[in-house]
C-alpha atoms as a PDB file:
ATOM      1  CA  MET A   1      32.036 174.881  15.403  1.00  0.00           C
ATOM      2  CA  GLU A   2      30.402 171.983  13.591  1.00  0.00           C
ATOM      3  CA  SER A   3      32.403 169.996  11.080  1.00  0.00           C
ATOM      4  CA  ARG A   4      30.134 170.870   8.134  1.00  0.00           C
ATOM      5  CA  GLU A   5      30.256 174.567   8.959  1.00  0.00           C
ATOM      6  CA  LEU A   6      34.035 174.358   9.179  1.00  0.00           C
ATOM      7  CA  LEU A   7      34.224 172.714   5.746  1.00  0.00           C
ATOM      8  CA  CYS A   8      31.915 175.324   4.216  1.00  0.00           C
ATOM      9  CA  ARG A   9      33.977 178.155   5.668  1.00  0.00           C
ATOM     10  CA  ILE A  10      37.236 176.599   4.424  1.00  0.00           C
ATOM     11  CA  LYS A  11      35.700 176.138   0.986  1.00  0.00           C
ATOM     12  CA  ALA A  12      34.721 179.817   1.009  1.00  0.00           C
ATOM     13  CA  GLY A  13      38.345 180.759   1.679  1.00  0.00           C
ATOM     14  CA  ASP A  14      38.110 181.471   5.402  1.00  0.00           C
ATOM     15  CA  ASP A  15      41.691 181.137   6.671  1.00  0.00           C
ATOM     16  CA  GLU A  16      40.533 181.308  10.294  1.00  0.00           C
ATOM     17  CA  ALA A  17      38.380 178.209   9.713  1.00  0.00           C
ATOM     18  CA  PHE A  18      41.429 176.354   8.396  1.00  0.00           C
ATOM     19  CA  ARG A  19      43.425 177.415  11.480  1.00  0.00           C
ATOM     20  CA  THR A  20      40.552 176.207  13.659  1.00  0.00           C
ATOM     21  CA  MET A  21      40.637 172.855  11.876  1.00  0.00           C
ATOM     22  CA  VAL A  22      44.390 172.544  12.425  1.00  0.00           C
ATOM     23  CA  LEU A  23      44.111 173.493  16.110  1.00  0.00           C
ATOM     24  CA  THR A  24      41.139 171.189  16.697  1.00  0.00           C
ATOM     25  CA  TYR A  25      42.218 168.092  14.792  1.00  0.00           C
ATOM     26  CA  GLY A  26      45.969 168.423  14.265  1.00  0.00           C
ATOM     27  CA  LYS A  27      47.199 167.124  17.614  1.00  0.00           C
ATOM     28  CA  PRO A  28      44.833 164.123  17.884  1.00  0.00           C
ATOM     29  CA  VAL A  29      45.690 163.058  14.328  1.00  0.00           C
ATOM     30  CA  TYR A  30      49.431 163.563  14.960  1.00  0.00           C
ATOM     31  CA  LEU A  31      49.271 161.458  18.140  1.00  0.00           C
ATOM     32  CA  ARG A  32      47.424 158.679  16.331  1.00  0.00           C
ATOM     33  CA  LEU A  33      49.976 158.718  13.515  1.00  0.00           C
ATOM     34  CA  LEU A  34      52.837 158.744  16.014  1.00  0.00           C
ATOM     35  CA  GLU A  35      51.327 155.773  17.825  1.00  0.00           C
ATOM     36  CA  ARG A  36      51.022 153.862  14.556  1.00  0.00           C
ATOM     37  CA  SER A  37      54.482 154.668  13.186  1.00  0.00           C
ATOM     38  CA  GLY A  38      56.566 155.259  16.308  1.00  0.00           C
ATOM     39  CA  ASN A  39      58.399 157.941  14.311  1.00  0.00           C
ATOM     40  CA  LYS A  40      57.894 161.663  15.003  1.00  0.00           C
ATOM     41  CA  GLU A  41      59.154 162.767  11.597  1.00  0.00           C
ATOM     42  CA  VAL A  42      56.892 160.348   9.725  1.00  0.00           C
ATOM     43  CA  ALA A  43      53.909 161.471  11.818  1.00  0.00           C
ATOM     44  CA  LYS A  44      54.674 165.174  11.234  1.00  0.00           C
ATOM     45  CA  GLU A  45      55.200 164.739   7.516  1.00  0.00           C
ATOM     46  CA  ALA A  46      52.024 162.667   7.107  1.00  0.00           C
ATOM     47  CA  LEU A  47      49.978 165.222   9.046  1.00  0.00           C
ATOM     48  CA  ARG A  48      51.437 168.142   7.101  1.00  0.00           C
ATOM     49  CA  GLU A  49      50.681 166.496   3.747  1.00  0.00           C
ATOM     50  CA  ALA A  50      47.215 165.427   4.883  1.00  0.00           C
ATOM     51  CA  LEU A  51      46.333 168.971   5.961  1.00  0.00           C
ATOM     52  CA  ILE A  52      47.437 170.361   2.607  1.00  0.00           C
ATOM     53  CA  ASP A  53      45.594 167.609   0.762  1.00  0.00           C
ATOM     54  CA  LEU A  54      42.437 168.161   2.815  1.00  0.00           C
ATOM     55  CA  TYR A  55      42.537 171.899   2.156  1.00  0.00           C
ATOM     56  CA  ILE A  56      42.793 171.297  -1.599  1.00  0.00           C
ATOM     57  CA  THR A  57      40.090 168.614  -1.517  1.00  0.00           C
ATOM     58  CA  VAL A  58      37.682 170.831   0.406  1.00  0.00           C
ATOM     59  CA  LYS A  59      38.278 173.759  -1.947  1.00  0.00           C
ATOM     60  CA  MET A  60      37.621 171.594  -5.024  1.00  0.00           C
ATOM     61  CA  ALA A  61      34.878 169.235  -3.857  1.00  0.00           C
ATOM     62  CA  ASN A  62      31.682 169.274  -1.890  1.00  0.00           C
ATOM     63  CA  SER A  63      32.507 166.742   0.793  1.00  0.00           C
ATOM     64  CA  LYS A  64      29.896 165.933   3.388  1.00  0.00           C
ATOM     65  CA  ASP A  65      32.186 163.760   5.487  1.00  0.00           C
ATOM     66  CA  PRO A  66      33.251 165.064   8.901  1.00  0.00           C
ATOM     67  CA  VAL A  67      36.585 166.890   8.932  1.00  0.00           C
ATOM     68  CA  GLU A  68      38.079 164.466  11.422  1.00  0.00           C
ATOM     69  CA  ALA A  69      37.215 161.429   9.279  1.00  0.00           C
ATOM     70  CA  LEU A  70      38.634 163.043   6.141  1.00  0.00           C
ATOM     71  CA  LEU A  71      41.830 164.072   7.902  1.00  0.00           C
ATOM     72  CA  TYR A  72      42.425 160.754   9.691  1.00  0.00           C
ATOM     73  CA  SER A  73      41.778 158.788   6.534  1.00  0.00           C
ATOM     74  CA  ARG A  74      44.090 160.832   4.331  1.00  0.00           C
ATOM     75  CA  ALA A  75      46.813 161.093   6.980  1.00  0.00           C
ATOM     76  CA  GLU A  76      46.892 157.324   7.442  1.00  0.00           C
ATOM     77  CA  GLU A  77      47.151 156.765   3.675  1.00  0.00           C
ATOM     78  CA  ILE A  78      50.019 159.250   3.438  1.00  0.00           C
ATOM     79  CA  GLN A  79      51.735 157.742   6.462  1.00  0.00           C
ATOM     80  CA  ALA A  80      51.635 154.291   4.877  1.00  0.00           C
ATOM     81  CA  ASP A  81      53.233 155.710   1.727  1.00  0.00           C
ATOM     82  CA  ILE A  82      55.934 157.486   3.737  1.00  0.00           C
ATOM     83  CA  CYS A  83      56.720 154.343   5.724  1.00  0.00           C
ATOM     84  CA  LEU A  84      57.116 152.395   2.475  1.00  0.00           C
ATOM     85  CA  LEU A  85      59.537 155.035   1.196  1.00  0.00           C
ATOM     86  CA  TYR A  86      61.554 154.902   4.417  1.00  0.00           C
ATOM     87  CA  LYS A  87      61.717 151.106   4.229  1.00  0.00           C
ATOM     88  CA  SER A  88      62.789 151.096   0.580  1.00  0.00           C
ATOM     89  CA  ASP A  89      65.458 153.742   1.291  1.00  0.00           C
ATOM     90  CA  ALA A  90      66.757 151.663   4.194  1.00  0.00           C
ATOM     91  CA  ALA A  91      66.920 148.556   1.988  1.00  0.00           C
ATOM     92  CA  ASP A  92      69.057 150.322  -0.640  1.00  0.00           C
END
């Protein structure tokens, strides 16, 4: 299924399209996040938050960006935030 079609179906409320997105892009994004952070929990949390954020963004906006680009971008932003939180907690 093409990325744009997937986004349109998610926007229309198609839960199967969201599952397809998770199955198609979840593992590659998780592995990239894991490689960057070296921490499974940080990678899982960043992916989970990014998927939720992407779902909300797609439902509210009319994004023309590919799903993979949206998900990678948001997941990396979230991961950076999580890593900062972990570092500040460790410093306390």
